[in-house]
Amino acid sequence: QVQLVESGGGLVQAGGSLRLSCVVSRSIFSINALAWYRQAPGKQRELVATITSGGSRDYADSVKGRFTISRDNAKNTVYLQMNSLKPEDTAVYYCNTPRVIWSWGQGTQVTVSS
């Protein structure tokens, strides 16, 4: 069973930056697309960003221009660089594929103070 281990979250002031990492317990070389999601308290989990094996990226409108998704196939890791953070970015962040083919990891908490 594939395991996902997210890390890099924390408490940051508005306008700050964080870099999240997600290590996948299998090779991601053949995985066409990877994604980051987030779930804020009392809200449904939402798709934040996706990246294909060819490097094509797509973002939710709420994070476009501020977040950057990337992947390192050699390290089986997908990253999310988050800049210009806002209080509304506060959530638990998770990685998976766009079709959610793996069980969810524990996520990493991101808290942005105003």
PDB file of N, CA and C in Angstrom:
ATOM      1  N   GLN A   1       0.838  -1.180   0.000  1.00  0.00           N
ATOM      2  CA  GLN A   1       0.000   0.000   0.000  1.00  0.00           C
ATOM      3  C   GLN A   1       0.882   1.242   0.000  1.00  0.00           C
ATOM      4  N   VAL A   2       0.551   2.170  -0.865  1.00  0.00           N
ATOM      5  CA  VAL A   2       1.333   3.393  -0.978  1.00  0.00           C
ATOM      6  C   VAL A   2       1.086   4.278   0.239  1.00  0.00           C
ATOM      7  N   GLN A   3       2.175   4.813   0.766  1.00  0.00           N
ATOM      8  CA  GLN A   3       2.073   5.761   1.879  1.00  0.00           C
ATOM      9  C   GLN A   3       2.501   7.146   1.420  1.00  0.00           C
ATOM     10  N   LEU A   4       1.804   8.138   1.913  1.00  0.00           N
ATOM     11  CA  LEU A   4       2.095   9.535   1.606  1.00  0.00           C
ATOM     12  C   LEU A   4       2.476  10.227   2.908  1.00  0.00           C
ATOM     13  N   VAL A   5       3.622  10.888   2.905  1.00  0.00           N
ATOM     14  CA  VAL A   5       4.075  11.585   4.101  1.00  0.00           C
ATOM     15  C   VAL A   5       4.310  13.050   3.766  1.00  0.00           C
ATOM     16  N   GLU A   6       3.405  13.885   4.242  1.00  0.00           N
ATOM     17  CA  GLU A   6       3.492  15.325   4.021  1.00  0.00           C
ATOM     18  C   GLU A   6       4.225  15.998   5.176  1.00  0.00           C
ATOM     19  N   SER A   7       4.963  17.046   4.866  1.00  0.00           N
ATOM     20  CA  SER A   7       5.690  17.792   5.886  1.00  0.00           C
ATOM     21  C   SER A   7       5.926  19.219   5.408  1.00  0.00           C
ATOM     22  N   GLY A   8       6.414  20.054   6.320  1.00  0.00           N
ATOM     23  CA  GLY A   8       6.780  21.417   5.958  1.00  0.00           C
ATOM     24  C   GLY A   8       5.812  22.475   6.402  1.00  0.00           C
ATOM     25  N   GLY A   9       4.687  22.072   6.976  1.00  0.00           N
ATOM     26  CA  GLY A   9       3.726  23.052   7.447  1.00  0.00           C
ATOM     27  C   GLY A   9       4.203  23.762   8.693  1.00  0.00           C
ATOM     28  N   GLY A  10       3.411  24.716   9.133  1.00  0.00           N
ATOM     29  CA  GLY A  10       3.761  25.459  10.337  1.00  0.00           C
ATOM     30  C   GLY A  10       2.919  26.698  10.475  1.00  0.00           C
ATOM     31  N   LEU A  11       3.332  27.536  11.422  1.00  0.00           N
ATOM     32  CA  LEU A  11       2.652  28.801  11.678  1.00  0.00           C
ATOM     33  C   LEU A  11       3.464  29.919  11.028  1.00  0.00           C
ATOM     34  N   VAL A  12       2.802  30.731  10.242  1.00  0.00           N
ATOM     35  CA  VAL A  12       3.496  31.809   9.538  1.00  0.00           C
ATOM     36  C   VAL A  12       2.597  33.037   9.502  1.00  0.00           C
ATOM     37  N   GLN A  13       3.205  34.194   9.466  1.00  0.00           N
ATOM     38  CA  GLN A  13       2.423  35.422   9.365  1.00  0.00           C
ATOM     39  C   GLN A  13       1.962  35.643   7.923  1.00  0.00           C
ATOM     40  N   ALA A  14       0.889  36.372   7.776  1.00  0.00           N
ATOM     41  CA  ALA A  14       0.409  36.720   6.446  1.00  0.00           C
ATOM     42  C   ALA A  14       1.526  37.379   5.643  1.00  0.00           C
ATOM     43  N   GLY A  15       1.644  36.982   4.396  1.00  0.00           N
ATOM     44  CA  GLY A  15       2.710  37.474   3.548  1.00  0.00           C
ATOM     45  C   GLY A  15       3.943  36.587   3.536  1.00  0.00           C
ATOM     46  N   GLY A  16       3.992  35.638   4.434  1.00  0.00           N
ATOM     47  CA  GLY A  16       5.135  34.745   4.528  1.00  0.00           C
ATOM     48  C   GLY A  16       5.080  33.604   3.530  1.00  0.00           C
ATOM     49  N   SER A  17       6.076  32.717   3.646  1.00  0.00           N
ATOM     50  CA  SER A  17       6.208  31.597   2.718  1.00  0.00           C
ATOM     51  C   SER A  17       6.444  30.291   3.470  1.00  0.00           C
ATOM     52  N   LEU A  18       6.037  29.218   2.845  1.00  0.00           N
ATOM     53  CA  LEU A  18       6.326  27.867   3.320  1.00  0.00           C
ATOM     54  C   LEU A  18       6.538  26.971   2.112  1.00  0.00           C
ATOM     55  N   ARG A  19       7.319  25.925   2.303  1.00  0.00           N
ATOM     56  CA  ARG A  19       7.504  24.931   1.263  1.00  0.00           C
ATOM     57  C   ARG A  19       7.097  23.574   1.813  1.00  0.00           C
ATOM     58  N   LEU A  20       6.078  23.003   1.239  1.00  0.00           N
ATOM     59  CA  LEU A  20       5.598  21.700   1.659  1.00  0.00           C
ATOM     60  C   LEU A  20       6.237  20.606   0.814  1.00  0.00           C
ATOM     61  N   SER A  21       6.431  19.445   1.445  1.00  0.00           N
ATOM     62  CA  SER A  21       6.962  18.282   0.742  1.00  0.00           C
ATOM     63  C   SER A  21       6.037  17.100   0.971  1.00  0.00           C
ATOM     64  N   CYS A  22       5.971  16.229  -0.005  1.00  0.00           N
ATOM     65  CA  CYS A  22       5.206  14.993   0.126  1.00  0.00           C
ATOM     66  C   CYS A  22       6.043  13.871  -0.460  1.00  0.00           C
ATOM     67  N   VAL A  23       6.445  12.949   0.397  1.00  0.00           N
ATOM     68  CA  VAL A  23       7.209  11.792  -0.054  1.00  0.00           C
ATOM     69  C   VAL A  23       6.262  10.625  -0.289  1.00  0.00           C
ATOM     70  N   VAL A  24       6.354  10.047  -1.454  1.00  0.00           N
ATOM     71  CA  VAL A  24       5.519   8.908  -1.841  1.00  0.00           C
ATOM     72  C   VAL A  24       6.356   7.632  -1.713  1.00  0.00           C
ATOM     73  N   SER A  25       5.748   6.588  -1.159  1.00  0.00           N
ATOM     74  CA  SER A  25       6.517   5.374  -0.835  1.00  0.00           C
ATOM     75  C   SER A  25       6.712   4.446  -2.027  1.00  0.00           C
ATOM     76  N   ARG A  26       6.472   4.927  -3.220  1.00  0.00           N
ATOM     77  CA  ARG A  26       6.737   4.168  -4.439  1.00  0.00           C
ATOM     78  C   ARG A  26       7.252   5.145  -5.487  1.00  0.00           C
ATOM     79  N   SER A  27       7.746   4.604  -6.545  1.00  0.00           N
ATOM     80  CA  SER A  27       8.242   5.449  -7.626  1.00  0.00           C
ATOM     81  C   SER A  27       7.096   6.257  -8.237  1.00  0.00           C
ATOM     82  N   ILE A  28       7.346   7.548  -8.435  1.00  0.00           N
ATOM     83  CA  ILE A  28       6.336   8.389  -9.070  1.00  0.00           C
ATOM     84  C   ILE A  28       6.669   8.651 -10.533  1.00  0.00           C
ATOM     85  N   PHE A  29       7.722   8.016 -11.021  1.00  0.00           N
ATOM     86  CA  PHE A  29       8.162   8.281 -12.395  1.00  0.00           C
ATOM     87  C   PHE A  29       7.045   8.021 -13.395  1.00  0.00           C
ATOM     88  N   SER A  30       6.283   6.941 -13.158  1.00  0.00           N
ATOM     89  CA  SER A  30       5.236   6.561 -14.104  1.00  0.00           C
ATOM     90  C   SER A  30       3.874   7.161 -13.763  1.00  0.00           C
ATOM     91  N   ILE A  31       3.824   7.935 -12.701  1.00  0.00           N
ATOM     92  CA  ILE A  31       2.559   8.556 -12.297  1.00  0.00           C
ATOM     93  C   ILE A  31       2.367   9.824 -13.127  1.00  0.00           C
ATOM     94  N   ASN A  32       1.318   9.844 -13.930  1.00  0.00           N
ATOM     95  CA  ASN A  32       1.141  10.947 -14.854  1.00  0.00           C
ATOM     96  C   ASN A  32       0.928  12.272 -14.141  1.00  0.00           C
ATOM     97  N   ALA A  33       0.073  12.282 -13.149  1.00  0.00           N
ATOM     98  CA  ALA A  33      -0.248  13.546 -12.500  1.00  0.00           C
ATOM     99  C   ALA A  33      -0.265  13.394 -10.986  1.00  0.00           C
ATOM    100  N   LEU A  34       0.221  14.412 -10.325  1.00  0.00           N
ATOM    101  CA  LEU A  34       0.216  14.492  -8.868  1.00  0.00           C
ATOM    102  C   LEU A  34      -0.464  15.789  -8.467  1.00  0.00           C
ATOM    103  N   ALA A  35      -0.926  15.816  -7.217  1.00  0.00           N
ATOM    104  CA  ALA A  35      -1.715  16.973  -6.812  1.00  0.00           C
ATOM    105  C   ALA A  35      -1.551  17.286  -5.338  1.00  0.00           C
ATOM    106  N   TRP A  36      -1.799  18.530  -5.004  1.00  0.00           N
ATOM    107  CA  TRP A  36      -1.930  18.976  -3.618  1.00  0.00           C
ATOM    108  C   TRP A  36      -3.383  19.384  -3.383  1.00  0.00           C
ATOM    109  N   TYR A  37      -3.869  19.017  -2.199  1.00  0.00           N
ATOM    110  CA  TYR A  37      -5.203  19.381  -1.762  1.00  0.00           C
ATOM    111  C   TYR A  37      -5.086  20.083  -0.405  1.00  0.00           C
ATOM    112  N   ARG A  38      -6.166  20.714   0.007  1.00  0.00           N
ATOM    113  CA  ARG A  38      -6.211  21.273   1.357  1.00  0.00           C
ATOM    114  C   ARG A  38      -7.631  21.186   1.898  1.00  0.00           C
ATOM    115  N   GLN A  39      -7.699  21.121   3.226  1.00  0.00           N
ATOM    116  CA  GLN A  39      -8.994  21.094   3.893  1.00  0.00           C
ATOM    117  C   GLN A  39      -8.964  22.035   5.079  1.00  0.00           C
ATOM    118  N   ALA A  40      -9.769  23.065   4.988  1.00  0.00           N
ATOM    119  CA  ALA A  40      -9.892  24.027   6.081  1.00  0.00           C
ATOM    120  C   ALA A  40     -10.963  23.531   7.055  1.00  0.00           C
ATOM    121  N   PRO A  41     -10.921  24.002   8.297  1.00  0.00           N
ATOM    122  CA  PRO A  41     -11.906  23.568   9.289  1.00  0.00           C
ATOM    123  C   PRO A  41     -13.334  23.831   8.803  1.00  0.00           C
ATOM    124  N   GLY A  42     -14.163  22.799   8.889  1.00  0.00           N
ATOM    125  CA  GLY A  42     -15.550  22.943   8.507  1.00  0.00           C
ATOM    126  C   GLY A  42     -15.817  22.985   7.020  1.00  0.00           C
ATOM    127  N   LYS A  43     -14.782  22.762   6.219  1.00  0.00           N
ATOM    128  CA  LYS A  43     -14.951  22.825   4.765  1.00  0.00           C
ATOM    129  C   LYS A  43     -14.538  21.507   4.129  1.00  0.00           C
ATOM    130  N   GLN A  44     -14.971  21.312   2.901  1.00  0.00           N
ATOM    131  CA  GLN A  44     -14.585  20.118   2.168  1.00  0.00           C
ATOM    132  C   GLN A  44     -13.148  20.244   1.650  1.00  0.00           C
ATOM    133  N   ARG A  45     -12.541  19.122   1.450  1.00  0.00           N
ATOM    134  CA  ARG A  45     -11.199  19.105   0.866  1.00  0.00           C
ATOM    135  C   ARG A  45     -11.277  19.647  -0.561  1.00  0.00           C
ATOM    136  N   GLU A  46     -10.322  20.494  -0.916  1.00  0.00           N
ATOM    137  CA  GLU A  46     -10.330  21.082  -2.250  1.00  0.00           C
ATOM    138  C   GLU A  46      -8.991  20.874  -2.936  1.00  0.00           C
ATOM    139  N   LEU A  47      -9.050  20.771  -4.248  1.00  0.00           N
ATOM    140  CA  LEU A  47      -7.854  20.626  -5.059  1.00  0.00           C
ATOM    141  C   LEU A  47      -7.180  21.977  -5.209  1.00  0.00           C
ATOM    142  N   VAL A  48      -5.887  22.008  -4.930  1.00  0.00           N
ATOM    143  CA  VAL A  48      -5.136  23.263  -4.945  1.00  0.00           C
ATOM    144  C   VAL A  48      -4.264  23.379  -6.186  1.00  0.00           C
ATOM    145  N   ALA A  49      -3.540  22.291  -6.513  1.00  0.00           N
ATOM    146  CA  ALA A  49      -2.601  22.353  -7.627  1.00  0.00           C
ATOM    147  C   ALA A  49      -2.345  20.954  -8.165  1.00  0.00           C
ATOM    148  N   THR A  50      -2.074  20.884  -9.462  1.00  0.00           N
ATOM    149  CA  THR A  50      -1.710  19.617 -10.090  1.00  0.00           C
ATOM    150  C   THR A  50      -0.490  19.815 -10.970  1.00  0.00           C
ATOM    151  N   ILE A  51       0.260  18.729 -11.158  1.00  0.00           N
ATOM    152  CA  ILE A  51       1.403  18.744 -12.057  1.00  0.00           C
ATOM    153  C   ILE A  51       1.461  17.404 -12.789  1.00  0.00           C
ATOM    154  N   THR A  52       1.675  17.458 -14.091  1.00  0.00           N
ATOM    155  CA  THR A  52       1.773  16.237 -14.876  1.00  0.00           C
ATOM    156  C   THR A  52       3.228  15.795 -14.989  1.00  0.00           C
ATOM    157  N   SER A  53       3.410  14.610 -15.531  1.00  0.00           N
ATOM    158  CA  SER A  53       4.767  14.104 -15.727  1.00  0.00           C
ATOM    159  C   SER A  53       5.540  14.968 -16.717  1.00  0.00           C
ATOM    160  N   GLY A  54       4.832  15.655 -17.579  1.00  0.00           N
ATOM    161  CA  GLY A  54       5.483  16.534 -18.538  1.00  0.00           C
ATOM    162  C   GLY A  54       5.743  17.924 -18.003  1.00  0.00           C
ATOM    163  N   GLY A  55       5.314  18.163 -16.769  1.00  0.00           N
ATOM    164  CA  GLY A  55       5.578  19.452 -16.142  1.00  0.00           C
ATOM    165  C   GLY A  55       4.474  20.477 -16.282  1.00  0.00           C
ATOM    166  N   SER A  56       3.355  20.106 -16.873  1.00  0.00           N
ATOM    167  CA  SER A  56       2.234  21.031 -16.966  1.00  0.00           C
ATOM    168  C   SER A  56       1.611  21.208 -15.598  1.00  0.00           C
ATOM    169  N   ARG A  57       1.293  22.445 -15.271  1.00  0.00           N
ATOM    170  CA  ARG A  57       0.761  22.776 -13.952  1.00  0.00           C
ATOM    171  C   ARG A  57      -0.597  23.447 -14.068  1.00  0.00           C
ATOM    172  N   ASP A  58      -1.403  23.226 -13.062  1.00  0.00           N
ATOM    173  CA  ASP A  58      -2.694  23.888 -12.997  1.00  0.00           C
ATOM    174  C   ASP A  58      -2.967  24.230 -11.538  1.00  0.00           C
ATOM    175  N   TYR A  59      -3.654  25.358 -11.328  1.00  0.00           N
ATOM    176  CA  TYR A  59      -3.865  25.850  -9.969  1.00  0.00           C
ATOM    177  C   TYR A  59      -5.305  26.294  -9.765  1.00  0.00           C
ATOM    178  N   ALA A  60      -5.748  26.176  -8.529  1.00  0.00           N
ATOM    179  CA  ALA A  60      -7.018  26.789  -8.168  1.00  0.00           C
ATOM    180  C   ALA A  60      -6.865  28.300  -8.288  1.00  0.00           C
ATOM    181  N   ASP A  61      -7.939  28.963  -8.657  1.00  0.00           N
ATOM    182  CA  ASP A  61      -7.873  30.420  -8.834  1.00  0.00           C
ATOM    183  C   ASP A  61      -7.400  31.129  -7.563  1.00  0.00           C
ATOM    184  N   SER A  62      -7.749  30.574  -6.419  1.00  0.00           N
ATOM    185  CA  SER A  62      -7.434  31.224  -5.151  1.00  0.00           C
ATOM    186  C   SER A  62      -5.941  31.247  -4.844  1.00  0.00           C
ATOM    187  N   VAL A  63      -5.154  30.389  -5.507  1.00  0.00           N
ATOM    188  CA  VAL A  63      -3.722  30.334  -5.211  1.00  0.00           C
ATOM    189  C   VAL A  63      -2.859  30.677  -6.416  1.00  0.00           C
ATOM    190  N   LYS A  64      -3.492  30.895  -7.555  1.00  0.00           N
ATOM    191  CA  LYS A  64      -2.753  31.163  -8.781  1.00  0.00           C
ATOM    192  C   LYS A  64      -1.875  32.400  -8.602  1.00  0.00           C
ATOM    193  N   GLY A  65      -0.613  32.271  -9.015  1.00  0.00           N
ATOM    194  CA  GLY A  65       0.329  33.372  -8.888  1.00  0.00           C
ATOM    195  C   GLY A  65       1.056  33.411  -7.559  1.00  0.00           C
ATOM    196  N   ARG A  66       0.606  32.613  -6.599  1.00  0.00           N
ATOM    197  CA  ARG A  66       1.244  32.594  -5.284  1.00  0.00           C
ATOM    198  C   ARG A  66       1.877  31.239  -4.960  1.00  0.00           C
ATOM    199  N   PHE A  67       1.282  30.168  -5.437  1.00  0.00           N
ATOM    200  CA  PHE A  67       1.764  28.817  -5.150  1.00  0.00           C
ATOM    201  C   PHE A  67       2.406  28.224  -6.400  1.00  0.00           C
ATOM    202  N   THR A  68       3.411  27.365  -6.178  1.00  0.00           N
ATOM    203  CA  THR A  68       4.062  26.656  -7.276  1.00  0.00           C
ATOM    204  C   THR A  68       4.233  25.197  -6.898  1.00  0.00           C
ATOM    205  N   ILE A  69       3.716  24.314  -7.729  1.00  0.00           N
ATOM    206  CA  ILE A  69       3.868  22.880  -7.519  1.00  0.00           C
ATOM    207  C   ILE A  69       5.030  22.373  -8.365  1.00  0.00           C
ATOM    208  N   SER A  70       5.775  21.430  -7.804  1.00  0.00           N
ATOM    209  CA  SER A  70       6.878  20.823  -8.553  1.00  0.00           C
ATOM    210  C   SER A  70       7.027  19.384  -8.097  1.00  0.00           C
ATOM    211  N   ARG A  71       7.812  18.626  -8.844  1.00  0.00           N
ATOM    212  CA  ARG A  71       8.021  17.230  -8.500  1.00  0.00           C
ATOM    213  C   ARG A  71       9.461  16.843  -8.781  1.00  0.00           C
ATOM    214  N   ASP A  72       9.967  15.902  -7.977  1.00  0.00           N
ATOM    215  CA  ASP A  72      11.298  15.350  -8.169  1.00  0.00           C
ATOM    216  C   ASP A  72      11.128  13.838  -8.242  1.00  0.00           C
ATOM    217  N   ASN A  73      11.104  13.310  -9.440  1.00  0.00           N
ATOM    218  CA  ASN A  73      10.863  11.878  -9.608  1.00  0.00           C
ATOM    219  C   ASN A  73      11.955  11.036  -8.958  1.00  0.00           C
ATOM    220  N   ALA A  74      13.175  11.522  -8.943  1.00  0.00           N
ATOM    221  CA  ALA A  74      14.280  10.765  -8.357  1.00  0.00           C
ATOM    222  C   ALA A  74      14.107  10.602  -6.850  1.00  0.00           C
ATOM    223  N   LYS A  75      13.418  11.553  -6.238  1.00  0.00           N
ATOM    224  CA  LYS A  75      13.203  11.509  -4.789  1.00  0.00           C
ATOM    225  C   LYS A  75      11.785  11.084  -4.428  1.00  0.00           C
ATOM    226  N   ASN A  76      10.990  10.749  -5.429  1.00  0.00           N
ATOM    227  CA  ASN A  76       9.586  10.371  -5.191  1.00  0.00           C
ATOM    228  C   ASN A  76       8.865  11.416  -4.355  1.00  0.00           C
ATOM    229  N   THR A  77       9.103  12.669  -4.670  1.00  0.00           N
ATOM    230  CA  THR A  77       8.610  13.765  -3.843  1.00  0.00           C
ATOM    231  C   THR A  77       7.928  14.823  -4.713  1.00  0.00           C
ATOM    232  N   VAL A  78       6.837  15.336  -4.183  1.00  0.00           N
ATOM    233  CA  VAL A  78       6.152  16.467  -4.808  1.00  0.00           C
ATOM    234  C   VAL A  78       6.161  17.616  -3.799  1.00  0.00           C
ATOM    235  N   TYR A  79       6.369  18.816  -4.312  1.00  0.00           N
ATOM    236  CA  TYR A  79       6.512  19.990  -3.466  1.00  0.00           C
ATOM    237  C   TYR A  79       5.408  21.005  -3.751  1.00  0.00           C
ATOM    238  N   LEU A  80       5.188  21.864  -2.763  1.00  0.00           N
ATOM    239  CA  LEU A  80       4.299  23.000  -2.963  1.00  0.00           C
ATOM    240  C   LEU A  80       4.957  24.212  -2.307  1.00  0.00           C
ATOM    241  N   GLN A  81       5.445  25.113  -3.127  1.00  0.00           N
ATOM    242  CA  GLN A  81       6.003  26.368  -2.639  1.00  0.00           C
ATOM    243  C   GLN A  81       4.870  27.365  -2.520  1.00  0.00           C
ATOM    244  N   MET A  82       4.685  27.887  -1.324  1.00  0.00           N
ATOM    245  CA  MET A  82       3.573  28.802  -1.056  1.00  0.00           C
ATOM    246  C   MET A  82       4.143  30.154  -0.637  1.00  0.00           C
ATOM    247  N   ASN A  83       3.871  31.164  -1.416  1.00  0.00           N
ATOM    248  CA  ASN A  83       4.319  32.525  -1.138  1.00  0.00           C
ATOM    249  C   ASN A  83       3.116  33.437  -0.913  1.00  0.00           C
ATOM    250  N   SER A  84       3.383  34.591  -0.346  1.00  0.00           N
ATOM    251  CA  SER A  84       2.326  35.585  -0.097  1.00  0.00           C
ATOM    252  C   SER A  84       1.115  34.942   0.580  1.00  0.00           C
ATOM    253  N   LEU A  85       1.388  34.194   1.612  1.00  0.00           N
ATOM    254  CA  LEU A  85       0.322  33.449   2.277  1.00  0.00           C
ATOM    255  C   LEU A  85      -0.697  34.380   2.915  1.00  0.00           C
ATOM    256  N   LYS A  86      -1.943  33.921   2.903  1.00  0.00           N
ATOM    257  CA  LYS A  86      -3.065  34.668   3.455  1.00  0.00           C
ATOM    258  C   LYS A  86      -3.729  33.836   4.556  1.00  0.00           C
ATOM    259  N   PRO A  87      -4.417  34.486   5.477  1.00  0.00           N
ATOM    260  CA  PRO A  87      -5.118  33.720   6.521  1.00  0.00           C
ATOM    261  C   PRO A  87      -6.069  32.664   5.933  1.00  0.00           C
ATOM    262  N   GLU A  88      -6.662  32.945   4.800  1.00  0.00           N
ATOM    263  CA  GLU A  88      -7.578  31.973   4.194  1.00  0.00           C
ATOM    264  C   GLU A  88      -6.872  30.746   3.609  1.00  0.00           C
ATOM    265  N   ASP A  89      -5.543  30.754   3.616  1.00  0.00           N
ATOM    266  CA  ASP A  89      -4.790  29.560   3.210  1.00  0.00           C
ATOM    267  C   ASP A  89      -4.645  28.570   4.367  1.00  0.00           C
ATOM    268  N   THR A  90      -5.078  28.954   5.548  1.00  0.00           N
ATOM    269  CA  THR A  90      -4.999  28.067   6.705  1.00  0.00           C
ATOM    270  C   THR A  90      -5.799  26.799   6.454  1.00  0.00           C
ATOM    271  N   ALA A  91      -5.135  25.657   6.574  1.00  0.00           N
ATOM    272  CA  ALA A  91      -5.762  24.370   6.279  1.00  0.00           C
ATOM    273  C   ALA A  91      -4.756  23.263   6.547  1.00  0.00           C
ATOM    274  N   VAL A  92      -5.246  22.030   6.495  1.00  0.00           N
ATOM    275  CA  VAL A  92      -4.361  20.871   6.443  1.00  0.00           C
ATOM    276  C   VAL A  92      -4.153  20.544   4.968  1.00  0.00           C
ATOM    277  N   TYR A  93      -2.896  20.409   4.589  1.00  0.00           N
ATOM    278  CA  TYR A  93      -2.546  20.173   3.201  1.00  0.00           C
ATOM    279  C   TYR A  93      -2.153  18.710   2.992  1.00  0.00           C
ATOM    280  N   TYR A  94      -2.649  18.147   1.897  1.00  0.00           N
ATOM    281  CA  TYR A  94      -2.422  16.747   1.558  1.00  0.00           C
ATOM    282  C   TYR A  94      -1.963  16.628   0.107  1.00  0.00           C
ATOM    283  N   CYS A  95      -1.235  15.548  -0.183  1.00  0.00           N
ATOM    284  CA  CYS A  95      -0.933  15.249  -1.582  1.00  0.00           C
ATOM    285  C   CYS A  95      -1.649  13.954  -1.977  1.00  0.00           C
ATOM    286  N   ASN A  96      -1.811  13.774  -3.250  1.00  0.00           N
ATOM    287  CA  ASN A  96      -2.406  12.570  -3.817  1.00  0.00           C
ATOM    288  C   ASN A  96      -2.323  12.716  -5.325  1.00  0.00           C
ATOM    289  N   THR A  97      -3.089  11.972  -6.040  1.00  0.00           N
ATOM    290  CA  THR A  97      -3.217  12.179  -7.481  1.00  0.00           C
ATOM    291  C   THR A  97      -4.555  12.861  -7.742  1.00  0.00           C
ATOM    292  N   PRO A  98      -4.750  13.452  -8.892  1.00  0.00           N
ATOM    293  CA  PRO A  98      -6.036  14.112  -9.165  1.00  0.00           C
ATOM    294  C   PRO A  98      -7.229  13.155  -9.081  1.00  0.00           C
ATOM    295  N   ARG A  99      -6.997  11.882  -9.310  1.00  0.00           N
ATOM    296  CA  ARG A  99      -8.106  10.927  -9.191  1.00  0.00           C
ATOM    297  C   ARG A  99      -8.138  10.264  -7.818  1.00  0.00           C
ATOM    298  N   VAL A 100      -7.280  10.690  -6.925  1.00  0.00           N
ATOM    299  CA  VAL A 100      -7.237  10.183  -5.541  1.00  0.00           C
ATOM    300  C   VAL A 100      -7.154   8.663  -5.530  1.00  0.00           C
ATOM    301  N   ILE A 101      -6.070   8.143  -6.066  1.00  0.00           N
ATOM    302  CA  ILE A 101      -5.916   6.692  -6.167  1.00  0.00           C
ATOM    303  C   ILE A 101      -5.263   6.076  -4.936  1.00  0.00           C
ATOM    304  N   TRP A 102      -4.733   6.923  -4.043  1.00  0.00           N
ATOM    305  CA  TRP A 102      -4.065   6.425  -2.838  1.00  0.00           C
ATOM    306  C   TRP A 102      -4.817   6.843  -1.578  1.00  0.00           C
ATOM    307  N   SER A 103      -4.591   6.090  -0.506  1.00  0.00           N
ATOM    308  CA  SER A 103      -5.150   6.495   0.776  1.00  0.00           C
ATOM    309  C   SER A 103      -4.480   7.788   1.223  1.00  0.00           C
ATOM    310  N   TRP A 104      -5.226   8.612   1.904  1.00  0.00           N
ATOM    311  CA  TRP A 104      -4.686   9.898   2.339  1.00  0.00           C
ATOM    312  C   TRP A 104      -3.625   9.736   3.419  1.00  0.00           C
ATOM    313  N   GLY A 105      -2.639  10.599   3.385  1.00  0.00           N
ATOM    314  CA  GLY A 105      -1.667  10.671   4.461  1.00  0.00           C
ATOM    315  C   GLY A 105      -2.216  11.474   5.618  1.00  0.00           C
ATOM    316  N   GLN A 106      -1.336  11.807   6.548  1.00  0.00           N
ATOM    317  CA  GLN A 106      -1.787  12.548   7.728  1.00  0.00           C
ATOM    318  C   GLN A 106      -1.912  14.041   7.456  1.00  0.00           C
ATOM    319  N   GLY A 107      -1.331  14.480   6.364  1.00  0.00           N
ATOM    320  CA  GLY A 107      -1.377  15.897   6.026  1.00  0.00           C
ATOM    321  C   GLY A 107      -0.401  16.705   6.854  1.00  0.00           C
ATOM    322  N   THR A 108      -0.285  17.974   6.498  1.00  0.00           N
ATOM    323  CA  THR A 108       0.568  18.894   7.250  1.00  0.00           C
ATOM    324  C   THR A 108      -0.205  20.190   7.461  1.00  0.00           C
ATOM    325  N   GLN A 109      -0.219  20.657   8.700  1.00  0.00           N
ATOM    326  CA  GLN A 109      -1.022  21.818   9.066  1.00  0.00           C
ATOM    327  C   GLN A 109      -0.311  23.109   8.678  1.00  0.00           C
ATOM    328  N   VAL A 110      -1.018  23.969   7.997  1.00  0.00           N
ATOM    329  CA  VAL A 110      -0.538  25.304   7.674  1.00  0.00           C
ATOM    330  C   VAL A 110      -1.473  26.309   8.346  1.00  0.00           C
ATOM    331  N   THR A 111      -0.893  27.167   9.165  1.00  0.00           N
ATOM    332  CA  THR A 111      -1.673  28.190   9.850  1.00  0.00           C
ATOM    333  C   THR A 111      -1.081  29.554   9.525  1.00  0.00           C
ATOM    334  N   VAL A 112      -1.895  30.431   8.973  1.00  0.00           N
ATOM    335  CA  VAL A 112      -1.436  31.762   8.587  1.00  0.00           C
ATOM    336  C   VAL A 112      -2.136  32.781   9.478  1.00  0.00           C
ATOM    337  N   SER A 113      -1.351  33.511  10.233  1.00  0.00           N
ATOM    338  CA  SER A 113      -1.925  34.513  11.128  1.00  0.00           C
ATOM    339  C   SER A 113      -1.978  35.876  10.448  1.00  0.00           C
ATOM    340  N   SER A 114      -2.970  36.645  10.829  1.00  0.00           N
ATOM    341  CA  SER A 114      -3.142  37.969  10.210  1.00  0.00           C
ATOM    342  C   SER A 114      -2.373  39.035  10.955  1.00  0.00           C
TER     343      SER A 114
END
